[in-house]
């Protein structure tokens, strides 16, 4: 099967969020809580619990966690888009290395 995401552009949002004072928080949840303070549907306190859910085949909480990570990333990207110059966004693609 061919890799389907070769032309899909993305940027590492955490690199952009470094432009904000995150008080040494470097993880998605910590930065999100500090900068946006919005309620989330994440059933876990941290991603380590998501690994445990995966290993226990607990798919619904894992799905909620992953969807919440997507939402947090999106909201942080929207915040960065308002305050960080576009020239600081380093676009990449999802093509696997060596292909």
N, C-alpha and C. Protein backbone atom coordinates (compact mmCIF):
# COMPACT_ATOMS: atom_id res chain seq x y z
N UNK A 1 0.84 -1.17 0.00
CA UNK A 1 0.00 0.00 0.00
C UNK A 1 0.89 1.24 0.00
N UNK A 2 0.57 2.19 -0.85
CA UNK A 2 1.32 3.44 -0.91
C UNK A 2 0.99 4.32 0.29
N UNK A 3 1.97 5.09 0.75
CA UNK A 3 1.79 6.03 1.85
C UNK A 3 0.83 7.13 1.39
N UNK A 4 -0.31 7.35 2.07
CA UNK A 4 -1.33 8.28 1.57
C UNK A 4 -1.09 9.75 1.91
N UNK A 5 -0.09 10.07 2.74
CA UNK A 5 0.04 11.43 3.24
C UNK A 5 1.25 12.19 2.69
N UNK A 6 1.81 11.75 1.61
CA UNK A 6 3.04 12.35 1.08
C UNK A 6 2.96 13.83 0.79
N UNK A 7 1.81 14.31 0.35
CA UNK A 7 1.67 15.72 -0.01
C UNK A 7 1.00 16.55 1.09
N UNK A 8 0.71 15.94 2.21
CA UNK A 8 0.02 16.65 3.29
C UNK A 8 1.03 17.45 4.11
N UNK A 9 0.83 18.76 4.14
CA UNK A 9 1.74 19.63 4.89
C UNK A 9 1.34 19.70 6.35
N UNK A 10 2.32 19.86 7.21
CA UNK A 10 2.06 20.05 8.63
C UNK A 10 3.18 20.89 9.22
N UNK A 11 2.96 21.37 10.42
CA UNK A 11 3.99 22.08 11.16
C UNK A 11 3.99 21.56 12.58
N UNK A 12 5.13 21.58 13.20
CA UNK A 12 5.23 21.15 14.60
C UNK A 12 4.75 22.31 15.47
N UNK A 13 3.54 22.19 15.99
CA UNK A 13 2.94 23.28 16.76
C UNK A 13 3.76 23.60 18.00
N UNK A 14 4.38 22.61 18.61
CA UNK A 14 5.14 22.87 19.83
C UNK A 14 6.34 23.77 19.55
N UNK A 15 6.91 23.70 18.34
CA UNK A 15 7.99 24.63 17.98
C UNK A 15 7.49 26.06 17.95
N UNK A 16 6.27 26.26 17.48
CA UNK A 16 5.68 27.59 17.41
C UNK A 16 5.31 28.08 18.80
N UNK A 17 4.78 27.20 19.62
CA UNK A 17 4.35 27.56 20.97
C UNK A 17 5.55 27.99 21.81
N UNK A 18 6.74 27.58 21.42
CA UNK A 18 7.95 28.03 22.13
C UNK A 18 8.08 29.55 22.13
N UNK A 19 7.36 30.23 21.24
CA UNK A 19 7.41 31.69 21.20
C UNK A 19 6.67 32.32 22.37
N UNK A 20 5.85 31.51 23.08
CA UNK A 20 5.08 31.98 24.22
C UNK A 20 5.81 31.62 25.51
N UNK A 21 5.53 32.36 26.56
CA UNK A 21 6.06 32.02 27.88
C UNK A 21 5.20 30.89 28.45
N UNK A 22 5.72 29.68 28.39
CA UNK A 22 4.98 28.52 28.89
C UNK A 22 5.47 28.07 30.26
N UNK A 23 6.27 28.89 30.89
CA UNK A 23 6.76 28.62 32.25
C UNK A 23 7.37 27.22 32.34
N UNK A 24 8.20 26.89 31.36
CA UNK A 24 8.91 25.61 31.28
C UNK A 24 8.02 24.40 31.04
N UNK A 25 6.78 24.60 30.68
CA UNK A 25 5.93 23.47 30.30
C UNK A 25 6.28 23.11 28.87
N UNK A 26 6.48 21.84 28.59
CA UNK A 26 6.90 21.40 27.26
C UNK A 26 5.97 20.35 26.68
N UNK A 27 4.92 19.98 27.40
CA UNK A 27 4.01 18.95 26.90
C UNK A 27 2.70 19.59 26.43
N UNK A 28 2.01 18.92 25.56
CA UNK A 28 0.79 19.45 24.96
C UNK A 28 -0.24 19.82 26.03
N UNK A 29 -0.49 18.94 26.97
CA UNK A 29 -1.51 19.17 27.99
C UNK A 29 -1.13 20.36 28.88
N UNK A 30 0.11 20.40 29.32
CA UNK A 30 0.55 21.49 30.19
C UNK A 30 0.49 22.84 29.52
N UNK A 31 0.95 22.91 28.27
CA UNK A 31 0.93 24.17 27.53
C UNK A 31 -0.51 24.59 27.27
N UNK A 32 -1.34 23.65 26.90
CA UNK A 32 -2.75 23.95 26.63
C UNK A 32 -3.44 24.50 27.88
N UNK A 33 -3.24 23.83 29.01
CA UNK A 33 -3.86 24.29 30.25
C UNK A 33 -3.38 25.70 30.62
N UNK A 34 -2.11 25.97 30.43
CA UNK A 34 -1.56 27.28 30.77
C UNK A 34 -2.07 28.38 29.85
N UNK A 35 -2.07 28.13 28.54
CA UNK A 35 -2.39 29.19 27.58
C UNK A 35 -3.88 29.34 27.28
N UNK A 36 -4.63 28.24 27.31
CA UNK A 36 -6.03 28.32 26.89
C UNK A 36 -7.04 28.02 27.99
N UNK A 37 -6.70 27.14 28.92
CA UNK A 37 -7.56 26.86 30.07
C UNK A 37 -8.95 26.36 29.70
N UNK A 38 -9.14 25.78 28.54
CA UNK A 38 -10.45 25.27 28.13
C UNK A 38 -10.67 23.86 28.67
N UNK A 39 -11.92 23.53 28.91
CA UNK A 39 -12.27 22.17 29.33
C UNK A 39 -12.02 21.20 28.17
N UNK A 40 -11.67 19.97 28.50
CA UNK A 40 -11.44 18.96 27.48
C UNK A 40 -12.21 17.69 27.83
N UNK A 41 -12.30 16.80 26.85
CA UNK A 41 -12.98 15.52 27.07
C UNK A 41 -11.99 14.39 27.34
N UNK A 42 -10.72 14.72 27.52
CA UNK A 42 -9.69 13.71 27.72
C UNK A 42 -9.94 12.95 29.03
N UNK A 43 -10.11 11.63 28.96
CA UNK A 43 -10.35 10.87 30.18
C UNK A 43 -9.08 10.60 30.98
N UNK A 44 -7.91 10.97 30.45
CA UNK A 44 -6.65 10.67 31.11
C UNK A 44 -5.96 11.94 31.59
N UNK A 45 -5.18 11.80 32.64
CA UNK A 45 -4.40 12.91 33.16
C UNK A 45 -3.14 13.14 32.33
N UNK A 46 -2.61 12.07 31.72
CA UNK A 46 -1.41 12.18 30.90
C UNK A 46 -1.41 11.09 29.84
N UNK A 47 -0.49 11.20 28.91
CA UNK A 47 -0.43 10.23 27.81
C UNK A 47 0.01 8.85 28.27
N UNK A 48 0.68 8.76 29.40
CA UNK A 48 1.05 7.45 29.93
C UNK A 48 -0.17 6.59 30.19
N UNK A 49 -1.23 7.19 30.66
CA UNK A 49 -2.47 6.45 30.90
C UNK A 49 -3.08 5.97 29.58
N UNK A 50 -2.86 6.74 28.51
CA UNK A 50 -3.35 6.32 27.19
C UNK A 50 -2.61 5.07 26.72
N UNK A 51 -1.34 4.97 27.03
CA UNK A 51 -0.57 3.77 26.67
C UNK A 51 -1.15 2.57 27.42
N UNK A 52 -1.46 2.76 28.68
CA UNK A 52 -2.07 1.66 29.46
C UNK A 52 -3.41 1.25 28.86
N UNK A 53 -4.21 2.22 28.43
CA UNK A 53 -5.50 1.92 27.82
C UNK A 53 -5.32 1.14 26.52
N UNK A 54 -4.31 1.52 25.74
CA UNK A 54 -4.02 0.80 24.50
C UNK A 54 -3.67 -0.65 24.80
N UNK A 55 -2.80 -0.84 25.77
CA UNK A 55 -2.37 -2.20 26.12
C UNK A 55 -3.52 -3.04 26.67
N UNK A 56 -4.51 -2.39 27.27
CA UNK A 56 -5.67 -3.09 27.81
C UNK A 56 -6.83 -3.16 26.81
N UNK A 57 -6.59 -2.68 25.59
CA UNK A 57 -7.61 -2.66 24.52
C UNK A 57 -8.85 -1.88 24.93
N UNK A 58 -8.66 -0.78 25.65
CA UNK A 58 -9.76 0.12 26.03
C UNK A 58 -9.86 1.22 24.97
N UNK A 59 -10.60 0.92 23.91
CA UNK A 59 -10.55 1.75 22.71
C UNK A 59 -11.31 3.07 22.83
N UNK A 60 -12.46 3.10 23.49
CA UNK A 60 -13.23 4.35 23.56
C UNK A 60 -12.48 5.45 24.32
N UNK A 61 -11.94 5.19 25.52
CA UNK A 61 -11.17 6.25 26.17
C UNK A 61 -9.93 6.66 25.38
N UNK A 62 -9.31 5.70 24.70
CA UNK A 62 -8.14 6.02 23.89
C UNK A 62 -8.53 6.91 22.71
N UNK A 63 -9.65 6.62 22.09
CA UNK A 63 -10.15 7.45 20.99
C UNK A 63 -10.44 8.87 21.50
N UNK A 64 -11.09 8.99 22.65
CA UNK A 64 -11.37 10.31 23.22
C UNK A 64 -10.08 11.07 23.49
N UNK A 65 -9.08 10.38 23.99
CA UNK A 65 -7.78 11.01 24.27
C UNK A 65 -7.15 11.53 22.97
N UNK A 66 -7.13 10.69 21.94
CA UNK A 66 -6.52 11.09 20.67
C UNK A 66 -7.27 12.24 20.02
N UNK A 67 -8.60 12.20 20.06
CA UNK A 67 -9.38 13.30 19.49
C UNK A 67 -9.15 14.59 20.28
N UNK A 68 -9.01 14.46 21.58
CA UNK A 68 -8.75 15.64 22.39
C UNK A 68 -7.37 16.22 22.10
N UNK A 69 -6.38 15.36 21.88
CA UNK A 69 -5.05 15.85 21.48
C UNK A 69 -5.12 16.63 20.17
N UNK A 70 -5.92 16.13 19.24
CA UNK A 70 -6.09 16.84 17.96
C UNK A 70 -6.73 18.20 18.20
N UNK A 71 -7.76 18.24 19.04
CA UNK A 71 -8.44 19.51 19.33
C UNK A 71 -7.50 20.50 20.02
N UNK A 72 -6.73 20.02 21.00
CA UNK A 72 -5.79 20.91 21.69
C UNK A 72 -4.75 21.45 20.72
N UNK A 73 -4.23 20.58 19.86
CA UNK A 73 -3.23 21.01 18.87
C UNK A 73 -3.82 22.06 17.95
N UNK A 74 -5.04 21.84 17.51
CA UNK A 74 -5.71 22.79 16.62
C UNK A 74 -5.88 24.15 17.30
N UNK A 75 -6.33 24.15 18.53
CA UNK A 75 -6.56 25.41 19.24
C UNK A 75 -5.23 26.14 19.51
N UNK A 76 -4.19 25.40 19.82
CA UNK A 76 -2.88 26.04 20.00
C UNK A 76 -2.38 26.62 18.68
N UNK A 77 -2.61 25.91 17.58
CA UNK A 77 -2.20 26.42 16.27
C UNK A 77 -2.96 27.69 15.93
N UNK A 78 -4.25 27.74 16.26
CA UNK A 78 -5.04 28.94 16.00
C UNK A 78 -4.53 30.11 16.85
N UNK A 79 -4.18 29.84 18.09
CA UNK A 79 -3.61 30.88 18.94
C UNK A 79 -2.30 31.39 18.36
N UNK A 80 -1.44 30.46 17.97
CA UNK A 80 -0.15 30.84 17.39
C UNK A 80 -0.34 31.63 16.10
N UNK A 81 -1.33 31.26 15.33
CA UNK A 81 -1.60 31.96 14.07
C UNK A 81 -1.93 33.44 14.31
N UNK A 82 -2.50 33.74 15.46
CA UNK A 82 -2.85 35.13 15.78
C UNK A 82 -1.65 35.94 16.24
N UNK A 83 -0.64 35.29 16.83
CA UNK A 83 0.43 36.04 17.48
C UNK A 83 1.85 35.76 16.97
N UNK A 84 2.02 34.72 16.18
CA UNK A 84 3.35 34.34 15.70
C UNK A 84 3.42 34.61 14.19
N UNK A 85 4.47 35.29 13.72
CA UNK A 85 4.59 35.56 12.29
C UNK A 85 4.60 34.27 11.46
N UNK A 86 3.98 34.32 10.31
CA UNK A 86 3.92 33.15 9.43
C UNK A 86 5.31 32.63 9.07
N UNK A 87 6.30 33.51 9.05
CA UNK A 87 7.66 33.08 8.70
C UNK A 87 8.24 32.12 9.74
N UNK A 88 7.66 32.07 10.94
CA UNK A 88 8.14 31.15 11.98
C UNK A 88 7.53 29.76 11.86
N UNK A 89 6.54 29.60 10.98
CA UNK A 89 5.93 28.29 10.76
C UNK A 89 6.78 27.51 9.78
N UNK A 90 7.37 26.43 10.23
CA UNK A 90 8.22 25.60 9.38
C UNK A 90 7.39 24.43 8.85
N UNK A 91 6.99 24.52 7.58
CA UNK A 91 6.14 23.49 6.99
C UNK A 91 6.97 22.28 6.57
N UNK A 92 6.42 21.11 6.81
CA UNK A 92 7.04 19.83 6.45
C UNK A 92 5.98 18.98 5.79
N UNK A 93 6.34 17.78 5.32
CA UNK A 93 5.33 16.87 4.84
C UNK A 93 5.43 15.56 5.62
N UNK A 94 4.44 14.73 5.47
CA UNK A 94 4.35 13.49 6.23
C UNK A 94 4.97 12.30 5.49
N UNK A 95 5.75 12.57 4.49
CA UNK A 95 6.40 11.48 3.75
C UNK A 95 7.42 10.80 4.66
N UNK A 96 7.37 9.48 4.80
CA UNK A 96 8.37 8.79 5.61
C UNK A 96 9.78 9.00 5.09
N UNK A 97 10.73 9.04 5.98
CA UNK A 97 12.14 9.23 5.58
C UNK A 97 12.58 8.09 4.68
N UNK A 98 13.37 8.43 3.70
CA UNK A 98 13.95 7.42 2.81
C UNK A 98 13.04 6.97 1.69
N UNK A 99 11.92 7.68 1.47
CA UNK A 99 11.04 7.27 0.36
C UNK A 99 11.02 8.32 -0.72
